[in-house]
C-alpha atoms as a PDB file:
ATOM      1  CA  MET A   1      76.852 105.032  21.416  1.00  0.00           C
ATOM      2  CA  THR A   2      80.696 106.220  23.387  1.00  0.00           C
ATOM      3  CA  ASP A   3      82.819 107.413  22.317  1.00  0.00           C
ATOM      4  CA  TRP A   4      85.433 106.741  24.922  1.00  0.00           C
ATOM      5  CA  ARG A   5      88.089 107.973  23.114  1.00  0.00           C
ATOM      6  CA  ALA A   6      87.047 112.265  23.309  1.00  0.00           C
ATOM      7  CA  VAL A   7      85.621 110.768  26.747  1.00  0.00           C
ATOM      8  CA  ILE A   8      89.706 109.410  28.356  1.00  0.00           C
ATOM      9  CA  ILE A   9      90.495 112.514  26.922  1.00  0.00           C
ATOM     10  CA  GLY A  10      88.050 114.706  28.247  1.00  0.00           C
ATOM     11  CA  PHE A  11      89.124 113.287  31.757  1.00  0.00           C
ATOM     12  CA  VAL A  12      93.182 113.781  30.943  1.00  0.00           C
ATOM     13  CA  VAL A  13      91.845 117.149  29.795  1.00  0.00           C
ATOM     14  CA  ILE A  14      90.718 118.263  33.899  1.00  0.00           C
ATOM     15  CA  VAL A  15      93.158 116.094  35.799  1.00  0.00           C
ATOM     16  CA  VAL A  16      95.383 118.325  33.917  1.00  0.00           C
ATOM     17  CA  LEU A  17      93.889 121.580  34.233  1.00  0.00           C
ATOM     18  CA  GLY A  18      92.746 120.437  37.526  1.00  0.00           C
ATOM     19  CA  ILE A  19      96.115 120.100  38.478  1.00  0.00           C
ATOM     20  CA  VAL A  20      97.314 123.957  37.512  1.00  0.00           C
ATOM     21  CA  GLY A  21      93.942 124.591  38.674  1.00  0.00           C
ATOM     22  CA  LEU A  22      94.920 123.970  42.525  1.00  0.00           C
ATOM     23  CA  THR A  23      96.957 127.430  42.500  1.00  0.00           C
ATOM     24  CA  LEU A  24      93.671 128.898  41.410  1.00  0.00           C
ATOM     25  CA  PRO A  25      91.695 126.017  44.122  1.00  0.00           C
ATOM     26  CA  VAL A  26      88.423 126.998  43.048  1.00  0.00           C
ATOM     27  CA  VAL A  27      88.752 129.032  39.299  1.00  0.00           C
ATOM     28  CA  GLY A  28      90.829 126.171  38.761  1.00  0.00           C
ATOM     29  CA  GLN A  29      88.704 123.012  39.023  1.00  0.00           C
ATOM     30  CA  LEU A  30      85.572 125.114  37.834  1.00  0.00           C
ATOM     31  CA  ALA A  31      88.020 126.074  34.548  1.00  0.00           C
ATOM     32  CA  ALA A  32      89.521 122.259  33.949  1.00  0.00           C
ATOM     33  CA  GLY A  33      85.859 120.801  34.457  1.00  0.00           C
ATOM     34  CA  LEU A  34      83.815 122.889  31.799  1.00  0.00           C
ATOM     35  CA  VAL A  35      87.545 122.931  28.840  1.00  0.00           C
ATOM     36  CA  GLY A  36      87.094 119.622  29.574  1.00  0.00           C
ATOM     37  CA  GLY A  37      83.792 119.012  29.269  1.00  0.00           C
ATOM     38  CA  PHE A  38      83.924 121.066  26.255  1.00  0.00           C
ATOM     39  CA  VAL A  39      86.741 118.627  24.571  1.00  0.00           C
ATOM     40  CA  ALA A  40      84.344 115.629  25.417  1.00  0.00           C
ATOM     41  CA  GLY A  41      81.610 117.520  23.642  1.00  0.00           C
ATOM     42  CA  TYR A  42      83.284 118.865  21.003  1.00  0.00           C
ATOM     43  CA  LEU A  43      85.556 115.430  19.904  1.00  0.00           C
ATOM     44  CA  ALA A  44      82.259 113.552  20.770  1.00  0.00           C
ATOM     45  CA  GLY A  45      80.460 115.270  18.529  1.00  0.00           C
ATOM     46  CA  GLY A  46      76.728 114.682  17.097  1.00  0.00           C
ATOM     47  CA  GLY A  47      75.432 116.855  17.992  1.00  0.00           C
ATOM     48  CA  LEU A  48      74.035 118.771  21.903  1.00  0.00           C
ATOM     49  CA  GLY A  49      72.809 114.905  23.031  1.00  0.00           C
ATOM     50  CA  ARG A  50      75.735 112.942  22.141  1.00  0.00           C
ATOM     51  CA  GLY A  51      78.330 116.019  23.793  1.00  0.00           C
ATOM     52  CA  PHE A  52      76.076 115.918  26.867  1.00  0.00           C
ATOM     53  CA  TRP A  53      76.984 112.271  27.148  1.00  0.00           C
ATOM     54  CA  HIS A  54      80.206 112.057  27.015  1.00  0.00           C
ATOM     55  CA  GLY A  55      81.845 115.728  29.105  1.00  0.00           C
ATOM     56  CA  LEU A  56      79.339 114.312  31.466  1.00  0.00           C
ATOM     57  CA  LEU A  57      81.259 110.734  31.653  1.00  0.00           C
ATOM     58  CA  ALA A  58      84.235 112.934  31.739  1.00  0.00           C
ATOM     59  CA  GLY A  59      83.300 115.203  34.111  1.00  0.00           C
ATOM     60  CA  ALA A  60      82.298 111.913  36.334  1.00  0.00           C
ATOM     61  CA  PHE A  61      85.702 110.366  35.898  1.00  0.00           C
ATOM     62  CA  GLY A  62      87.449 113.047  36.905  1.00  0.00           C
ATOM     63  CA  GLY A  63      85.545 113.850  40.225  1.00  0.00           C
ATOM     64  CA  LEU A  64      85.501 109.904  41.066  1.00  0.00           C
ATOM     65  CA  VAL A  65      89.999 109.455  40.259  1.00  0.00           C
ATOM     66  CA  GLY A  66      90.100 112.967  42.125  1.00  0.00           C
ATOM     67  CA  GLY A  67      88.233 112.285  44.612  1.00  0.00           C
ATOM     68  CA  PHE A  68      89.694 108.208  45.177  1.00  0.00           C
ATOM     69  CA  LEU A  69      93.295 109.909  45.385  1.00  0.00           C
ATOM     70  CA  ILE A  70      92.868 112.581  47.434  1.00  0.00           C
ATOM     71  CA  ALA A  71      91.061 109.742  49.903  1.00  0.00           C
ATOM     72  CA  VAL A  72      93.935 107.674  49.474  1.00  0.00           C
ATOM     73  CA  ALA A  73      95.883 110.010  50.876  1.00  0.00           C
ATOM     74  CA  VAL A  74      94.943 111.143  53.710  1.00  0.00           C
ATOM     75  CA  GLY A  75      94.650 107.133  54.496  1.00  0.00           C
ATOM     76  CA  LEU A  76      97.946 106.702  53.879  1.00  0.00           C
ATOM     77  CA  ILE A  77      99.057 110.318  56.325  1.00  0.00           C
ATOM     78  CA  GLY A  78      96.771 108.629  58.771  1.00  0.00           C
ATOM     79  CA  TRP A  79      99.050 105.727  59.185  1.00  0.00           C
ATOM     80  CA  VAL A  80     102.499 106.756  59.726  1.00  0.00           C
ATOM     81  CA  GLY A  81     100.216 108.227  62.355  1.00  0.00           C
ATOM     82  CA  GLY A  82      99.992 104.231  63.894  1.00  0.00           C
ATOM     83  CA  PRO A  83      96.940 102.481  64.235  1.00  0.00           C
ATOM     84  CA  ALA A  84      95.106 105.262  66.720  1.00  0.00           C
ATOM     85  CA  GLY A  85      95.639 108.097  63.484  1.00  0.00           C
ATOM     86  CA  GLY A  86      95.048 105.584  60.788  1.00  0.00           C
ATOM     87  CA  LEU A  87      91.035 104.431  62.176  1.00  0.00           C
ATOM     88  CA  LEU A  88      91.726 108.783  62.242  1.00  0.00           C
ATOM     89  CA  THR A  89      92.120 109.745  59.192  1.00  0.00           C
ATOM     90  CA  GLY A  90      90.667 106.678  57.765  1.00  0.00           C
ATOM     91  CA  VAL A  91      87.133 107.661  58.674  1.00  0.00           C
ATOM     92  CA  ALA A  92      88.286 111.529  57.315  1.00  0.00           C
ATOM     93  CA  GLY A  93      89.548 110.071  53.917  1.00  0.00           C
ATOM     94  CA  LEU A  94      85.846 107.683  53.625  1.00  0.00           C
ATOM     95  CA  GLY A  95      84.591 110.164  54.340  1.00  0.00           C
ATOM     96  CA  ILE A  96      86.217 112.772  52.062  1.00  0.00           C
ATOM     97  CA  PHE A  97      85.392 110.014  48.966  1.00  0.00           C
ATOM     98  CA  VAL A  98      81.971 111.120  50.167  1.00  0.00           C
ATOM     99  CA  VAL A  99      82.569 114.544  49.817  1.00  0.00           C
ATOM    100  CA  ALA A 100      84.841 114.151  46.146  1.00  0.00           C
ATOM    101  CA  VAL A 101      81.463 112.048  44.866  1.00  0.00           C
ATOM    102  CA  VAL A 102      79.403 114.525  45.529  1.00  0.00           C
ATOM    103  CA  VAL A 103      81.760 116.675  43.623  1.00  0.00           C
ATOM    104  CA  SER A 104      81.840 115.185  40.682  1.00  0.00           C
ATOM    105  CA  PHE A 105      78.302 115.197  40.470  1.00  0.00           C
ATOM    106  CA  VAL A 106      78.207 118.552  39.824  1.00  0.00           C
ATOM    107  CA  MET A 107      81.518 118.519  38.222  1.00  0.00           C
ATOM    108  CA  ALA A 108      79.921 116.444  35.669  1.00  0.00           C
ATOM    109  CA  VAL A 109      77.572 118.457  35.723  1.00  0.00           C
ATOM    110  CA  GLU A 110      79.470 121.260  34.656  1.00  0.00           C
ATOM    111  CA  SER A 111      81.001 118.860  31.767  1.00  0.00           C
ATOM    112  CA  ALA A 112      78.162 117.990  29.732  1.00  0.00           C
ATOM    113  CA  ILE A 113      76.567 121.464  29.827  1.00  0.00           C
ATOM    114  CA  ALA A 114      79.605 122.470  28.280  1.00  0.00           C
ATOM    115  CA  GLY A 115      80.049 119.349  26.352  1.00  0.00           C
ATOM    116  CA  ALA A 116      76.350 119.616  25.215  1.00  0.00           C
ATOM    117  CA  VAL A 117      78.024 122.585  23.829  1.00  0.00           C
ATOM    118  CA  GLY A 118      81.114 121.630  22.376  1.00  0.00           C
ATOM    119  CA  GLY A 119      78.063 118.618  20.278  1.00  0.00           C
ATOM    120  CA  VAL A 120      76.648 121.725  18.890  1.00  0.00           C
ATOM    121  CA  LEU A 121      79.504 123.367  17.210  1.00  0.00           C
ATOM    122  CA  ASP A 122      81.562 120.275  16.485  1.00  0.00           C
ATOM    123  CA  GLU A 123      78.399 119.741  13.564  1.00  0.00           C
END
């Protein structure tokens, strides 16, 4: 059974560290996924598989929400440019969201591995 408390706390850690990690563009995001996944796995406990699952969920949610916010921001910026700007940046925002979904899967795997380590250390 999924411990949603652990997933939500791991997700919040990913979001907060991801925002702070914007100062170090690639390293900050990787660290956010690793630390958030570890926290989710450690809080869920129960071993390798359980930690993996909870880290995976926390990382996937973090990536999807981040991608959605970026896509909305690009769309809103285009809306200021009128109908043509809105159309162009709306398509760009949709493309960015698709890329963000792919990145969220990568972040989810990274967080899942860290969550598995956290789940093992909790035993």
